[in-house]
Amino acid sequence: MKCGDYCGTSPNSCFLSLPSQGPNAERMLTAPVLTGVVRSMAVAWEPDWVAAMSRTHRDADNKADMWLGWVTYLSRQRGTVPPLPAPVRIEPVGDMGSLIILTPERFTVANPAHMALARRVRELLAGAGLMQPTSA
């Protein structure tokens, strides 16, 4: 967690690494639970971005500046989230920013459709200037 840090490689961000198996994973790895967790992180720490994703997904994502997780929060200060393709949901977090939920089903790197959706959403967000690292 690097809240309030504008000097590092991933400044003012929260990254939630998820368990991949076992009873904790089964409880955590649902869109409603992760949405609540990420929303809480955003409200509590006011980061510029939060990504909730598995280590496998993180390792498969070769974009080291900012990760796009199954559930991602982007601060309003980063810009406006553009319309995104179904089944992606965009939810406001008060007047602070937006949650982006890629899919209501469990996101998995083994599902080619999930990875294609993540790549497409990343492209759209990058095109809107939202995936650039923040600097002071």
N, C-alpha and C. Protein backbone atom coordinates (compact mmCIF):
# COMPACT_ATOMS: atom_id res chain seq x y z
N MET A 1 0.84 -1.16 0.00
CA MET A 1 0.00 0.00 0.00
C MET A 1 0.89 1.23 0.00
N LYS A 2 0.61 2.15 -0.89
CA LYS A 2 1.43 3.35 -0.99
C LYS A 2 0.52 4.57 -1.06
N CYS A 3 -0.18 4.86 0.01
CA CYS A 3 -1.10 6.00 0.01
C CYS A 3 -0.36 7.28 0.31
N GLY A 4 -0.64 8.30 -0.49
CA GLY A 4 -0.03 9.60 -0.30
C GLY A 4 1.38 9.70 -0.86
N ASP A 5 1.92 8.63 -1.43
CA ASP A 5 3.26 8.63 -2.00
C ASP A 5 3.17 9.00 -3.47
N TYR A 6 3.77 10.10 -3.85
CA TYR A 6 3.76 10.51 -5.26
C TYR A 6 5.15 10.42 -5.87
N CYS A 7 6.07 9.74 -5.22
CA CYS A 7 7.44 9.66 -5.73
C CYS A 7 7.82 8.28 -6.25
N GLY A 8 7.10 7.22 -5.85
CA GLY A 8 7.45 5.86 -6.24
C GLY A 8 6.92 5.49 -7.61
N THR A 9 7.10 4.22 -7.98
CA THR A 9 6.66 3.76 -9.30
C THR A 9 5.16 3.54 -9.36
N SER A 10 4.50 3.31 -8.23
CA SER A 10 3.04 3.17 -8.22
C SER A 10 2.47 4.05 -7.11
N PRO A 11 2.58 5.36 -7.29
CA PRO A 11 2.24 6.28 -6.20
C PRO A 11 0.76 6.29 -5.84
N ASN A 12 0.50 6.58 -4.58
CA ASN A 12 -0.83 6.73 -4.02
C ASN A 12 -1.78 5.66 -4.53
N SER A 13 -1.42 4.41 -4.31
CA SER A 13 -2.22 3.30 -4.81
C SER A 13 -2.39 2.25 -3.73
N CYS A 14 -3.43 1.45 -3.91
CA CYS A 14 -3.64 0.28 -3.05
C CYS A 14 -3.70 -0.92 -3.97
N PHE A 15 -3.01 -1.97 -3.62
CA PHE A 15 -3.05 -3.20 -4.39
C PHE A 15 -3.44 -4.32 -3.45
N LEU A 16 -4.50 -5.02 -3.77
CA LEU A 16 -4.98 -6.11 -2.96
C LEU A 16 -4.65 -7.42 -3.66
N SER A 17 -3.78 -8.21 -3.08
CA SER A 17 -3.43 -9.51 -3.63
C SER A 17 -4.36 -10.54 -3.01
N LEU A 18 -5.02 -11.30 -3.86
CA LEU A 18 -6.05 -12.23 -3.42
C LEU A 18 -5.53 -13.64 -3.21
N PRO A 19 -6.11 -14.37 -2.24
CA PRO A 19 -5.75 -15.78 -2.09
C PRO A 19 -6.24 -16.54 -3.31
N SER A 20 -5.51 -17.56 -3.72
CA SER A 20 -5.89 -18.27 -4.95
C SER A 20 -6.66 -19.56 -4.70
N GLN A 21 -6.59 -20.07 -3.48
CA GLN A 21 -7.29 -21.33 -3.19
C GLN A 21 -7.61 -21.42 -1.72
N GLY A 22 -8.46 -22.37 -1.38
CA GLY A 22 -8.83 -22.59 0.01
C GLY A 22 -10.08 -21.84 0.40
N PRO A 23 -10.50 -22.01 1.65
CA PRO A 23 -11.76 -21.42 2.10
C PRO A 23 -11.76 -19.89 2.05
N ASN A 24 -10.62 -19.26 2.31
CA ASN A 24 -10.57 -17.80 2.23
C ASN A 24 -10.79 -17.32 0.80
N ALA A 25 -10.21 -18.02 -0.14
CA ALA A 25 -10.39 -17.66 -1.54
C ALA A 25 -11.85 -17.80 -1.94
N GLU A 26 -12.47 -18.88 -1.54
CA GLU A 26 -13.87 -19.11 -1.91
C GLU A 26 -14.77 -18.01 -1.36
N ARG A 27 -14.48 -17.52 -0.16
CA ARG A 27 -15.28 -16.45 0.43
C ARG A 27 -15.00 -15.11 -0.24
N MET A 28 -13.75 -14.85 -0.56
CA MET A 28 -13.35 -13.55 -1.10
C MET A 28 -13.62 -13.38 -2.58
N LEU A 29 -13.46 -14.45 -3.32
CA LEU A 29 -13.47 -14.33 -4.78
C LEU A 29 -14.86 -14.31 -5.37
N THR A 30 -15.59 -13.26 -5.02
CA THR A 30 -16.89 -12.98 -5.63
C THR A 30 -16.92 -11.49 -5.94
N ALA A 31 -17.63 -11.13 -6.99
CA ALA A 31 -17.70 -9.72 -7.37
C ALA A 31 -18.29 -8.86 -6.25
N PRO A 32 -19.36 -9.28 -5.57
CA PRO A 32 -19.90 -8.43 -4.51
C PRO A 32 -18.92 -8.20 -3.35
N VAL A 33 -18.20 -9.23 -2.93
CA VAL A 33 -17.25 -9.07 -1.82
C VAL A 33 -16.10 -8.16 -2.25
N LEU A 34 -15.53 -8.41 -3.40
CA LEU A 34 -14.41 -7.58 -3.85
C LEU A 34 -14.83 -6.14 -4.11
N THR A 35 -16.02 -5.96 -4.63
CA THR A 35 -16.52 -4.61 -4.85
C THR A 35 -16.61 -3.87 -3.51
N GLY A 36 -17.12 -4.53 -2.48
CA GLY A 36 -17.20 -3.93 -1.16
C GLY A 36 -15.84 -3.63 -0.57
N VAL A 37 -14.91 -4.55 -0.73
CA VAL A 37 -13.55 -4.36 -0.20
C VAL A 37 -12.86 -3.19 -0.90
N VAL A 38 -12.92 -3.16 -2.22
CA VAL A 38 -12.25 -2.10 -2.97
C VAL A 38 -12.91 -0.75 -2.67
N ARG A 39 -14.23 -0.72 -2.59
CA ARG A 39 -14.93 0.51 -2.24
C ARG A 39 -14.46 1.01 -0.87
N SER A 40 -14.36 0.09 0.09
CA SER A 40 -13.90 0.46 1.44
C SER A 40 -12.48 0.99 1.43
N MET A 41 -11.60 0.37 0.64
CA MET A 41 -10.22 0.83 0.53
C MET A 41 -10.18 2.25 -0.05
N ALA A 42 -10.99 2.49 -1.07
CA ALA A 42 -11.02 3.81 -1.71
C ALA A 42 -11.51 4.88 -0.74
N VAL A 43 -12.57 4.58 -0.02
CA VAL A 43 -13.13 5.55 0.92
C VAL A 43 -12.17 5.80 2.09
N ALA A 44 -11.56 4.74 2.60
CA ALA A 44 -10.69 4.87 3.77
C ALA A 44 -9.37 5.58 3.46
N TRP A 45 -8.76 5.28 2.31
CA TRP A 45 -7.41 5.78 2.05
C TRP A 45 -7.32 6.80 0.93
N GLU A 46 -8.39 7.00 0.17
CA GLU A 46 -8.42 7.98 -0.92
C GLU A 46 -7.24 7.84 -1.88
N PRO A 47 -6.96 6.64 -2.34
CA PRO A 47 -5.86 6.46 -3.30
C PRO A 47 -6.29 6.94 -4.69
N ASP A 48 -5.34 7.06 -5.59
CA ASP A 48 -5.65 7.38 -6.98
C ASP A 48 -6.21 6.16 -7.70
N TRP A 49 -5.75 4.96 -7.26
CA TRP A 49 -6.30 3.74 -7.85
C TRP A 49 -6.11 2.57 -6.91
N VAL A 50 -6.97 1.59 -7.10
CA VAL A 50 -6.92 0.33 -6.36
C VAL A 50 -7.16 -0.78 -7.39
N ALA A 51 -6.43 -1.87 -7.28
CA ALA A 51 -6.66 -3.04 -8.15
C ALA A 51 -6.78 -4.28 -7.28
N ALA A 52 -7.85 -5.03 -7.47
CA ALA A 52 -8.02 -6.33 -6.80
C ALA A 52 -7.89 -7.40 -7.88
N MET A 53 -6.85 -8.22 -7.72
CA MET A 53 -6.58 -9.23 -8.74
C MET A 53 -5.72 -10.34 -8.16
N SER A 54 -5.73 -11.47 -8.83
CA SER A 54 -4.90 -12.58 -8.40
C SER A 54 -3.45 -12.33 -8.82
N ARG A 55 -2.53 -13.01 -8.16
CA ARG A 55 -1.12 -12.90 -8.55
C ARG A 55 -0.93 -13.42 -9.98
N THR A 56 -1.67 -14.46 -10.35
CA THR A 56 -1.58 -15.00 -11.71
C THR A 56 -1.98 -13.94 -12.72
N HIS A 57 -3.06 -13.21 -12.42
CA HIS A 57 -3.49 -12.14 -13.32
C HIS A 57 -2.44 -11.03 -13.36
N ARG A 58 -1.92 -10.68 -12.21
CA ARG A 58 -0.89 -9.63 -12.15
C ARG A 58 0.33 -10.05 -12.97
N ASP A 59 0.77 -11.29 -12.83
CA ASP A 59 1.93 -11.77 -13.57
C ASP A 59 1.67 -11.82 -15.08
N ALA A 60 0.42 -12.07 -15.47
CA ALA A 60 0.07 -12.13 -16.89
C ALA A 60 -0.05 -10.75 -17.51
N ASP A 61 -0.19 -9.73 -16.67
CA ASP A 61 -0.36 -8.35 -17.13
C ASP A 61 1.02 -7.72 -17.24
N ASN A 62 1.48 -7.50 -18.47
CA ASN A 62 2.83 -6.97 -18.65
C ASN A 62 2.88 -5.45 -18.56
N LYS A 63 1.80 -4.82 -18.15
CA LYS A 63 1.77 -3.36 -17.97
C LYS A 63 2.14 -3.05 -16.53
N ALA A 64 3.38 -2.72 -16.28
CA ALA A 64 3.86 -2.57 -14.91
C ALA A 64 3.48 -1.25 -14.25
N ASP A 65 3.10 -0.24 -15.02
CA ASP A 65 2.81 1.06 -14.43
C ASP A 65 1.56 1.04 -13.55
N MET A 66 0.49 0.48 -14.06
CA MET A 66 -0.78 0.37 -13.33
C MET A 66 -1.45 -0.92 -13.77
N TRP A 67 -2.03 -1.61 -12.80
CA TRP A 67 -2.74 -2.84 -13.13
C TRP A 67 -4.23 -2.58 -13.19
N LEU A 68 -4.88 -3.32 -14.05
CA LEU A 68 -6.33 -3.33 -14.12
C LEU A 68 -6.77 -4.68 -13.55
N GLY A 69 -7.45 -4.66 -12.42
CA GLY A 69 -7.86 -5.90 -11.78
C GLY A 69 -9.28 -6.30 -12.14
N TRP A 70 -9.72 -7.41 -11.55
CA TRP A 70 -11.11 -7.84 -11.70
C TRP A 70 -12.00 -6.69 -11.25
N VAL A 71 -11.65 -6.08 -10.11
CA VAL A 71 -12.31 -4.87 -9.63
C VAL A 71 -11.23 -3.80 -9.47
N THR A 72 -11.47 -2.65 -10.09
CA THR A 72 -10.50 -1.56 -10.06
C THR A 72 -11.22 -0.27 -9.66
N TYR A 73 -10.57 0.52 -8.83
CA TYR A 73 -11.07 1.85 -8.49
C TYR A 73 -10.14 2.87 -9.12
N LEU A 74 -10.72 3.90 -9.74
CA LEU A 74 -9.96 5.01 -10.28
C LEU A 74 -10.52 6.30 -9.69
N SER A 75 -9.65 7.11 -9.11
CA SER A 75 -10.04 8.39 -8.54
C SER A 75 -10.56 9.31 -9.64
N ARG A 76 -11.51 10.14 -9.29
CA ARG A 76 -12.06 11.12 -10.22
C ARG A 76 -10.96 12.06 -10.71
N GLN A 77 -9.93 12.27 -9.90
CA GLN A 77 -8.81 13.14 -10.28
C GLN A 77 -8.07 12.62 -11.51
N ARG A 78 -8.17 11.33 -11.78
CA ARG A 78 -7.50 10.73 -12.94
C ARG A 78 -8.22 11.08 -14.23
N GLY A 79 -9.53 11.39 -14.14
CA GLY A 79 -10.33 11.69 -15.32
C GLY A 79 -11.64 10.93 -15.28
N THR A 80 -12.37 11.02 -16.37
CA THR A 80 -13.68 10.40 -16.49
C THR A 80 -13.57 9.02 -17.13
N VAL A 81 -14.18 8.04 -16.52
CA VAL A 81 -14.19 6.69 -17.08
C VAL A 81 -15.12 6.68 -18.29
N PRO A 82 -14.62 6.24 -19.45
CA PRO A 82 -15.46 6.21 -20.65
C PRO A 82 -16.44 5.04 -20.59
N PRO A 83 -17.42 5.03 -21.48
CA PRO A 83 -18.29 3.85 -21.56
C PRO A 83 -17.44 2.61 -21.85
N LEU A 84 -17.78 1.51 -21.20
CA LEU A 84 -17.03 0.26 -21.35
C LEU A 84 -17.97 -0.84 -21.80
N PRO A 85 -17.43 -1.86 -22.49
CA PRO A 85 -18.28 -2.92 -23.05
C PRO A 85 -18.88 -3.82 -21.97
N ALA A 86 -20.05 -4.39 -22.30
CA ALA A 86 -20.68 -5.38 -21.42
C ALA A 86 -19.75 -6.58 -21.33
N PRO A 87 -19.70 -7.22 -20.19
CA PRO A 87 -20.52 -7.09 -18.99
C PRO A 87 -19.94 -6.14 -17.94
N VAL A 88 -19.00 -5.28 -18.32
CA VAL A 88 -18.34 -4.40 -17.36
C VAL A 88 -19.36 -3.46 -16.73
N ARG A 89 -19.24 -3.30 -15.40
CA ARG A 89 -20.07 -2.35 -14.67
C ARG A 89 -19.19 -1.23 -14.15
N ILE A 90 -19.72 -0.03 -14.19
CA ILE A 90 -19.06 1.13 -13.60
C ILE A 90 -19.98 1.64 -12.51
N GLU A 91 -19.42 1.76 -11.29
CA GLU A 91 -20.20 2.23 -10.15
C GLU A 91 -19.50 3.43 -9.53
N PRO A 92 -20.25 4.49 -9.22
CA PRO A 92 -19.62 5.63 -8.55
C PRO A 92 -19.27 5.30 -7.11
N VAL A 93 -18.22 5.93 -6.62
CA VAL A 93 -17.85 5.88 -5.21
C VAL A 93 -18.03 7.31 -4.71
N GLY A 94 -19.25 7.63 -4.34
CA GLY A 94 -19.59 9.00 -3.97
C GLY A 94 -19.14 9.95 -5.06
N ASP A 95 -18.49 11.03 -4.67
CA ASP A 95 -17.94 11.95 -5.66
C ASP A 95 -16.42 11.77 -5.78
N MET A 96 -15.92 10.63 -5.26
CA MET A 96 -14.48 10.38 -5.23
C MET A 96 -13.93 9.77 -6.52
N GLY A 97 -14.69 8.88 -7.14
CA GLY A 97 -14.19 8.17 -8.30
C GLY A 97 -15.14 7.08 -8.73
N SER A 98 -14.61 6.08 -9.44
CA SER A 98 -15.43 5.01 -10.00
C SER A 98 -14.82 3.65 -9.76
N LEU A 99 -15.71 2.69 -9.53
CA LEU A 99 -15.33 1.27 -9.50
C LEU A 99 -15.60 0.70 -10.88
N ILE A 100 -14.68 -0.12 -11.34
CA ILE A 100 -14.85 -0.83 -12.61
C ILE A 100 -14.82 -2.31 -12.27
N ILE A 101 -15.93 -2.99 -12.53
CA ILE A 101 -16.04 -4.43 -12.27
C ILE A 101 -16.07 -5.11 -13.63
N LEU A 102 -15.02 -5.87 -13.95
CA LEU A 102 -14.91 -6.45 -15.29
C LEU A 102 -16.02 -7.43 -15.60
N THR A 103 -16.35 -8.29 -14.64
CA THR A 103 -17.35 -9.32 -14.90
C THR A 103 -17.99 -9.72 -13.58
N PRO A 104 -19.29 -10.04 -13.58
CA PRO A 104 -19.91 -10.47 -12.33
C PRO A 104 -19.50 -11.88 -11.91
N GLU A 105 -19.04 -12.68 -12.87
CA GLU A 105 -18.58 -14.03 -12.53
C GLU A 105 -17.13 -13.98 -12.09
N ARG A 106 -16.68 -15.04 -11.46
CA ARG A 106 -15.29 -15.10 -10.99
C ARG A 106 -14.32 -14.94 -12.15
N PHE A 107 -13.49 -13.90 -12.07
CA PHE A 107 -12.51 -13.63 -13.12
C PHE A 107 -11.37 -14.62 -13.00
N THR A 108 -10.99 -15.20 -14.11
CA THR A 108 -9.87 -16.12 -14.10
C THR A 108 -9.03 -15.95 -15.36
N VAL A 109 -7.73 -15.99 -15.17
CA VAL A 109 -6.78 -15.86 -16.27
C VAL A 109 -6.94 -17.02 -17.26
N ALA A 110 -7.40 -18.16 -16.79
CA ALA A 110 -7.58 -19.32 -17.66
C ALA A 110 -8.72 -19.14 -18.65
N ASN A 111 -9.57 -18.15 -18.45
CA ASN A 111 -10.70 -17.90 -19.35
C ASN A 111 -10.26 -16.87 -20.40
N PRO A 112 -10.08 -17.30 -21.66
CA PRO A 112 -9.62 -16.36 -22.70
C PRO A 112 -10.55 -15.16 -22.87
N ALA A 113 -11.84 -15.35 -22.67
CA ALA A 113 -12.78 -14.23 -22.80
C ALA A 113 -12.53 -13.19 -21.71
N HIS A 114 -12.19 -13.63 -20.50
CA HIS A 114 -11.89 -12.69 -19.42
C HIS A 114 -10.64 -11.88 -19.75
N MET A 115 -9.62 -12.55 -20.24
CA MET A 115 -8.37 -11.85 -20.56
C MET A 115 -8.56 -10.89 -21.73
N ALA A 116 -9.35 -11.29 -22.72
CA ALA A 116 -9.64 -10.40 -23.86
C ALA A 116 -10.41 -9.17 -23.38
N LEU A 117 -11.36 -9.37 -22.48
CA LEU A 117 -12.13 -8.25 -21.93
C LEU A 117 -11.21 -7.32 -21.16
N ALA A 118 -10.33 -7.87 -20.34
CA ALA A 118 -9.40 -7.04 -19.57
C ALA A 118 -8.49 -6.23 -20.50
N ARG A 119 -8.00 -6.85 -21.57
CA ARG A 119 -7.16 -6.12 -22.53
C ARG A 119 -7.94 -4.99 -23.19
N ARG A 120 -9.19 -5.26 -23.59
CA ARG A 120 -10.02 -4.25 -24.26
C ARG A 120 -10.31 -3.08 -23.31
N VAL A 121 -10.66 -3.39 -22.08
CA VAL A 121 -10.97 -2.34 -21.11
C VAL A 121 -9.71 -1.52 -20.83
N ARG A 122 -8.57 -2.18 -20.68
CA ARG A 122 -7.31 -1.46 -20.48
C ARG A 122 -7.06 -0.50 -21.63
N GLU A 123 -7.27 -0.96 -22.87
CA GLU A 123 -7.06 -0.10 -24.05
C GLU A 123 -7.97 1.13 -23.99
N LEU A 124 -9.23 0.93 -23.64
CA LEU A 124 -10.18 2.04 -23.57
C LEU A 124 -9.79 3.02 -22.46
N LEU A 125 -9.40 2.50 -21.31
CA LEU A 125 -8.98 3.36 -20.21
C LEU A 125 -7.68 4.09 -20.54
N ALA A 126 -6.74 3.40 -21.18
CA ALA A 126 -5.49 4.04 -21.59
C ALA A 126 -5.78 5.14 -22.62
N GLY A 127 -6.69 4.86 -23.54
CA GLY A 127 -7.06 5.86 -24.54
C GLY A 127 -7.67 7.10 -23.93
N ALA A 128 -8.32 6.95 -22.76
CA ALA A 128 -8.90 8.08 -22.04
C ALA A 128 -7.88 8.72 -21.09
N GLY A 129 -6.63 8.21 -21.08
CA GLY A 129 -5.58 8.77 -20.26
C GLY A 129 -5.65 8.37 -18.79
N LEU A 130 -6.38 7.29 -18.48
CA LEU A 130 -6.60 6.90 -17.08
C LEU A 130 -5.61 5.87 -16.56
N MET A 131 -4.76 5.32 -17.39
CA MET A 131 -3.85 4.26 -16.95
C MET A 131 -2.40 4.73 -16.84
N GLN A 132 -2.21 6.03 -16.78
CA GLN A 132 -0.87 6.58 -16.63
C GLN A 132 -0.52 6.69 -15.16
N PRO A 133 0.72 6.41 -14.78
CA PRO A 133 1.10 6.59 -13.38
C PRO A 133 0.96 8.06 -12.99
N THR A 134 0.61 8.28 -11.76
CA THR A 134 0.45 9.64 -11.25
C THR A 134 1.81 10.16 -10.80
N SER A 135 2.05 11.42 -11.00
CA SER A 135 3.29 12.01 -10.50
C SER A 135 2.97 13.34 -9.84
N ALA A 136 3.82 13.75 -8.94
CA ALA A 136 3.60 15.01 -8.20
C ALA A 136 3.78 16.20 -9.10
